[in-house]
Amino acid sequence: MDSIYHEKQEGFLCAQHCLNNLLQGSLFTAVDLAQFGHQLDEQELATMVEGAGTADDLRRLHEKPSSNMDDTGYFSIQVINRALQVWNLELVPTTSPSMKHVLDNPVQQSAFICNHEQHWFTIRKLGRQWFNLDSLLKKPKLVSDTYLSLFLTQLQMEGYSIFVVRGELPSSEADQLLQVITLDATGHEATANRGNSVTSSTSSSSSTEHQSSVDESFDLELATAISASLAESQTSVEETRQRRVEYFARHHKPESS
């Protein structure tokens, strides 16, 4: 599972870990998310100030703690949504009327974000398999197609809110690689997507030679796929950094001295 990007828990930065595990790269920092939080606070304050009646009301509004973040590193669903907008992604709760069908057949989706109290984590499809990318885990955990629906139902029963990630997720090394190979529960390669290139033979010697040739061909194809995915993954990271710079340039106005 080395190709799967997986941030482990640091402090209370699970929202940051959740986003980066979803996007498969170290793309957002706590500083980035704090900037989104400040923007949202300013927008909410501006709306509330319009309805404020007295000077005391205004003072209380300005003294009101942020609802989008706190000093522990917690960030709200609004902050996560704002960060995902950089990638033209959005979160839709599975309790929404338009999403009622999703949990009946969740394998048709690309990813889910789950929240309970102040903990956020991602469940995402990479290649042809699903993985629990919870930052509290030591490593990504394989979730079978059969178990996915039961797992999401179990989370709901435990009080989790579940959100569907809508939009096209950025390409990643793991996503490209896991289109070619399949991992077992231990994280080792289980099967290879070799199509119909391997054929049986009644002659053991010719079968061995044929298999060797196929293996060499497949290894070359796999190496080429990995090399291409690494290059594409690097491009994806650079593209994200550029999107972040452009986003903050459009939305962040420096304070006047």
Protein backbone atom coordinates (compact mmCIF):
# COMPACT_ATOMS: atom_id res chain seq x y z
CA MET A 1 0.00 0.00 0.00
CA ASP A 2 3.03 2.26 -0.27
CA SER A 3 1.56 4.08 -3.26
CA ILE A 4 -1.51 5.17 -1.27
CA TYR A 5 -1.09 8.59 0.34
CA HIS A 6 -2.12 8.35 3.99
CA GLU A 7 -1.60 11.10 6.57
CA LYS A 8 -1.67 9.85 10.15
CA GLN A 9 -3.21 11.81 12.99
CA GLU A 10 -1.30 14.82 14.31
CA GLY A 11 -2.97 16.70 17.14
CA PHE A 12 -6.54 17.53 16.15
CA LEU A 13 -5.84 18.18 12.46
CA CYS A 14 -8.15 15.43 11.21
CA ALA A 15 -9.90 17.81 8.76
CA GLN A 16 -6.56 18.52 7.09
CA HIS A 17 -5.69 14.81 7.04
CA CYS A 18 -9.15 13.96 5.71
CA LEU A 19 -8.78 16.39 2.78
CA ASN A 20 -5.25 15.37 1.88
CA ASN A 21 -6.07 11.66 2.09
CA LEU A 22 -9.07 12.27 -0.16
CA LEU A 23 -6.99 14.21 -2.71
CA GLN A 24 -4.01 11.85 -2.30
CA GLY A 25 -1.34 14.43 -1.61
CA SER A 26 -0.09 17.00 0.89
CA LEU A 27 -2.16 19.72 -0.73
CA PHE A 28 -3.68 21.66 2.17
CA THR A 29 -2.09 22.87 5.39
CA ALA A 30 -3.67 24.05 8.62
CA VAL A 31 -2.75 27.61 7.56
CA ASP A 32 -4.71 27.18 4.31
CA LEU A 33 -7.76 25.92 6.18
CA ALA A 34 -7.47 28.75 8.73
CA GLN A 35 -7.58 31.25 5.87
CA PHE A 36 -10.78 29.65 4.60
CA GLY A 37 -12.15 29.79 8.13
CA HIS A 38 -11.35 33.50 8.45
CA GLN A 39 -13.05 34.21 5.13
CA LEU A 40 -16.18 32.40 6.24
CA ASP A 41 -16.15 34.19 9.61
CA GLU A 42 -15.95 37.56 7.86
CA GLN A 43 -18.82 36.68 5.54
CA GLU A 44 -21.00 35.47 8.42
CA LEU A 45 -20.15 38.54 10.52
CA ALA A 46 -21.04 40.88 7.66
CA THR A 47 -24.44 39.21 7.36
CA MET A 48 -25.13 39.38 11.10
CA VAL A 49 -23.97 43.01 11.41
CA GLU A 50 -26.70 44.06 8.99
CA GLY A 51 -29.31 42.94 11.50
CA ALA A 52 -27.56 44.23 14.62
CA GLY A 53 -29.56 46.86 16.48
CA THR A 54 -27.27 48.44 19.07
CA ALA A 55 -23.60 49.04 19.75
CA ASP A 56 -23.71 46.26 22.36
CA ASP A 57 -25.08 43.88 19.74
CA LEU A 58 -22.18 44.76 17.45
CA ARG A 59 -19.64 44.29 20.22
CA ARG A 60 -21.03 40.86 21.10
CA LEU A 61 -20.93 39.82 17.45
CA HIS A 62 -17.27 40.80 17.12
CA GLU A 63 -16.41 38.95 20.35
CA LYS A 64 -18.26 35.80 19.32
CA PRO A 65 -15.89 32.83 18.84
CA SER A 66 -15.50 31.40 15.37
CA SER A 67 -17.94 28.64 14.43
CA ASN A 68 -15.64 27.48 11.64
CA MET A 69 -12.44 26.66 13.56
CA ASP A 70 -10.82 26.72 16.97
CA ASP A 71 -7.36 26.68 18.53
CA THR A 72 -7.23 22.89 18.69
CA GLY A 73 -7.11 22.54 14.89
CA TYR A 74 -10.76 21.69 14.39
CA PHE A 75 -12.39 22.95 11.16
CA SER A 76 -16.07 22.93 10.23
CA ILE A 77 -17.85 21.30 7.31
CA GLN A 78 -18.06 24.75 5.73
CA VAL A 79 -14.25 25.02 5.74
CA ILE A 80 -13.88 21.57 4.20
CA ASN A 81 -16.41 22.45 1.51
CA ARG A 82 -14.58 25.71 0.75
CA ALA A 83 -11.30 23.82 0.37
CA LEU A 84 -12.92 21.29 -1.97
CA GLN A 85 -14.23 24.12 -4.15
CA VAL A 86 -10.62 24.65 -5.26
CA TRP A 87 -11.00 21.31 -7.07
CA ASN A 88 -14.60 21.89 -8.16
CA LEU A 89 -15.74 19.27 -5.64
CA GLU A 90 -18.58 19.45 -3.15
CA LEU A 91 -20.01 17.48 -0.26
CA VAL A 92 -23.63 16.38 -0.20
CA PRO A 93 -25.08 14.72 2.93
CA THR A 94 -26.50 11.25 2.36
CA THR A 95 -29.58 12.43 4.27
CA SER A 96 -30.38 14.81 1.41
CA PRO A 97 -33.49 13.72 -0.57
CA SER A 98 -31.43 13.51 -3.77
CA MET A 99 -28.93 11.17 -2.08
CA LYS A 100 -31.33 8.63 -0.54
CA HIS A 101 -30.39 6.02 -3.14
CA VAL A 102 -26.63 6.34 -2.59
CA LEU A 103 -26.24 4.06 0.42
CA ASP A 104 -28.21 1.33 -1.36
CA ASN A 105 -25.35 1.00 -3.85
CA PRO A 106 -22.39 3.06 -2.56
CA VAL A 107 -19.83 1.40 -4.85
CA GLN A 108 -21.13 3.62 -7.67
CA GLN A 109 -19.65 6.67 -5.93
CA SER A 110 -16.03 7.86 -5.79
CA ALA A 111 -15.59 8.81 -2.14
CA PHE A 112 -17.27 9.57 1.17
CA ILE A 113 -16.30 11.88 4.02
CA CYS A 114 -17.48 10.88 7.48
CA ASN A 115 -17.81 13.05 10.59
CA HIS A 116 -18.60 12.34 14.22
CA GLU A 117 -18.24 15.07 16.82
CA GLN A 118 -14.90 16.62 15.83
CA HIS A 119 -13.38 13.76 13.82
CA TRP A 120 -13.29 13.66 10.02
CA PHE A 121 -12.07 10.85 7.78
CA THR A 122 -12.23 9.70 4.17
CA ILE A 123 -13.38 6.48 2.52
CA ARG A 124 -12.28 6.52 -1.11
CA LYS A 125 -12.17 4.32 -4.18
CA LEU A 126 -8.68 3.95 -5.64
CA GLY A 127 -8.50 2.06 -8.89
CA ARG A 128 -11.04 -0.73 -8.50
CA GLN A 129 -10.95 -1.00 -4.70
CA TRP A 130 -12.23 0.94 -1.70
CA PHE A 131 -10.06 2.02 1.22
CA ASN A 132 -10.69 3.46 4.67
CA LEU A 133 -8.16 6.32 4.90
CA ASP A 134 -8.92 7.30 8.49
CA SER A 135 -5.92 9.17 9.92
CA LEU A 136 -6.34 7.24 13.18
CA LEU A 137 -5.40 4.01 11.37
CA LYS A 138 -1.78 2.89 11.11
CA LYS A 139 -2.25 2.29 7.39
CA PRO A 140 -5.06 2.36 4.80
CA LYS A 141 -7.60 -0.41 5.32
CA LEU A 142 -9.12 -2.30 2.40
CA VAL A 143 -12.93 -2.25 2.31
CA SER A 144 -14.56 -4.80 0.04
CA ASP A 145 -17.45 -3.81 -2.23
CA THR A 146 -19.68 -6.16 -0.26
CA TYR A 147 -18.73 -4.69 3.10
CA LEU A 148 -18.85 -1.01 2.04
CA SER A 149 -22.62 -0.65 2.41
CA LEU A 150 -22.58 -2.43 5.79
CA PHE A 151 -19.68 -0.26 6.98
CA LEU A 152 -21.45 2.99 6.07
CA THR A 153 -24.65 1.78 7.75
CA GLN A 154 -22.66 0.89 10.86
CA LEU A 155 -21.11 4.36 10.92
CA GLN A 156 -24.54 5.96 10.70
CA MET A 157 -25.72 3.86 13.64
CA GLU A 158 -22.70 5.07 15.62
CA GLY A 159 -23.77 8.68 15.01
CA TYR A 160 -21.58 9.59 12.05
CA SER A 161 -22.73 12.05 9.41
CA ILE A 162 -21.80 10.79 5.95
CA PHE A 163 -21.22 13.02 2.93
CA VAL A 164 -20.90 12.02 -0.71
CA VAL A 165 -18.03 13.68 -2.58
CA ARG A 166 -19.40 14.94 -5.89
CA GLY A 167 -17.21 15.94 -8.83
CA GLU A 168 -14.13 14.50 -10.52
CA LEU A 169 -11.32 13.71 -8.10
CA PRO A 170 -7.77 14.56 -9.19
CA SER A 171 -5.65 11.76 -10.58
CA SER A 172 -3.14 10.14 -8.25
CA GLU A 173 -0.35 7.58 -8.31
CA ALA A 174 -2.37 5.07 -6.30
CA ASP A 175 -5.46 5.48 -8.45
CA GLN A 176 -3.46 4.81 -11.61
CA LEU A 177 -1.55 1.87 -10.14
CA LEU A 178 -4.63 0.18 -8.68
CA GLN A 179 -6.25 0.19 -12.11
CA VAL A 180 -3.52 -2.31 -13.04
CA ILE A 181 -3.14 -4.40 -9.87
CA THR A 182 -5.37 -5.49 -6.99
CA LEU A 183 -4.35 -5.58 -3.32
CA ASP A 184 -5.38 -8.16 -0.75
CA ALA A 185 -6.30 -7.38 2.87
CA THR A 186 -2.63 -7.45 3.90
CA GLY A 187 -1.72 -4.79 1.35
CA HIS A 188 0.13 -7.16 -0.99
CA GLU A 189 -0.58 -7.60 -4.69
CA ALA A 190 -3.34 -10.17 -5.12
CA THR A 191 -4.01 -10.28 -8.85
CA ALA A 192 -2.84 -8.48 -11.94
CA ASN A 193 -5.10 -7.15 -14.67
CA ARG A 194 -3.49 -9.13 -17.43
CA GLY A 195 -6.57 -9.50 -19.62
CA ASN A 196 -6.54 -12.59 -21.78
CA SER A 197 -2.82 -12.62 -22.47
CA VAL A 198 -2.18 -15.76 -20.37
CA THR A 199 -3.36 -18.96 -22.06
CA SER A 200 -3.14 -22.57 -20.91
CA SER A 201 -0.94 -25.09 -22.65
CA THR A 202 -0.71 -28.87 -22.56
CA SER A 203 3.06 -28.68 -22.81
CA SER A 204 4.65 -27.69 -19.51
CA SER A 205 7.84 -26.42 -21.17
CA SER A 206 6.06 -24.23 -23.72
CA SER A 207 3.68 -23.04 -21.00
CA THR A 208 6.61 -22.00 -18.82
CA GLU A 209 8.27 -20.14 -21.69
CA HIS A 210 5.00 -18.46 -22.62
CA GLN A 211 4.31 -17.47 -19.00
CA SER A 212 7.82 -16.02 -18.68
CA SER A 213 7.29 -13.95 -21.81
CA VAL A 214 3.93 -12.74 -20.53
CA ASP A 215 5.41 -11.86 -17.14
CA GLU A 216 8.19 -9.84 -18.75
CA SER A 217 5.67 -8.06 -20.96
CA PHE A 218 3.40 -7.37 -18.02
CA ASP A 219 6.29 -6.14 -15.84
CA LEU A 220 7.25 -3.72 -18.61
CA GLU A 221 3.66 -2.51 -18.92
CA LEU A 222 3.38 -2.16 -15.16
CA ALA A 223 6.65 -0.21 -14.91
CA THR A 224 5.48 2.08 -17.70
CA ALA A 225 2.14 2.61 -15.95
CA ILE A 226 3.84 3.39 -12.64
CA SER A 227 6.25 5.81 -14.30
CA ALA A 228 3.40 7.58 -16.07
CA SER A 229 1.32 7.73 -12.91
CA LEU A 230 4.22 9.22 -10.94
CA ALA A 231 4.65 11.94 -13.55
CA GLU A 232 0.91 12.58 -13.62
CA SER A 233 0.76 12.66 -9.82
CA GLN A 234 3.53 15.29 -9.70
CA THR A 235 1.66 17.34 -12.29
CA SER A 236 -1.46 17.03 -10.15
CA VAL A 237 0.37 18.35 -7.08
CA GLU A 238 1.79 21.29 -9.00
CA GLU A 239 -1.64 22.02 -10.46
CA THR A 240 -3.16 22.02 -6.99
CA ARG A 241 -0.53 24.40 -5.67
CA GLN A 242 -1.24 26.73 -8.58
CA ARG A 243 -5.00 26.51 -7.93
CA ARG A 244 -4.43 27.42 -4.29
CA VAL A 245 -2.32 30.45 -5.24
CA GLU A 246 -4.95 31.60 -7.74
CA TYR A 247 -7.78 31.03 -5.25
CA PHE A 248 -6.20 33.06 -2.48
CA ALA A 249 -5.21 35.79 -4.94
CA ARG A 250 -8.89 36.12 -5.93
CA HIS A 251 -10.44 35.85 -2.48
CA HIS A 252 -7.89 37.15 0.03
CA LYS A 253 -7.57 40.90 0.40
CA PRO A 254 -4.59 42.05 2.50
CA GLU A 255 -5.50 44.20 5.49
CA SER A 256 -4.80 47.89 5.08
CA SER A 257 -2.25 49.36 7.43
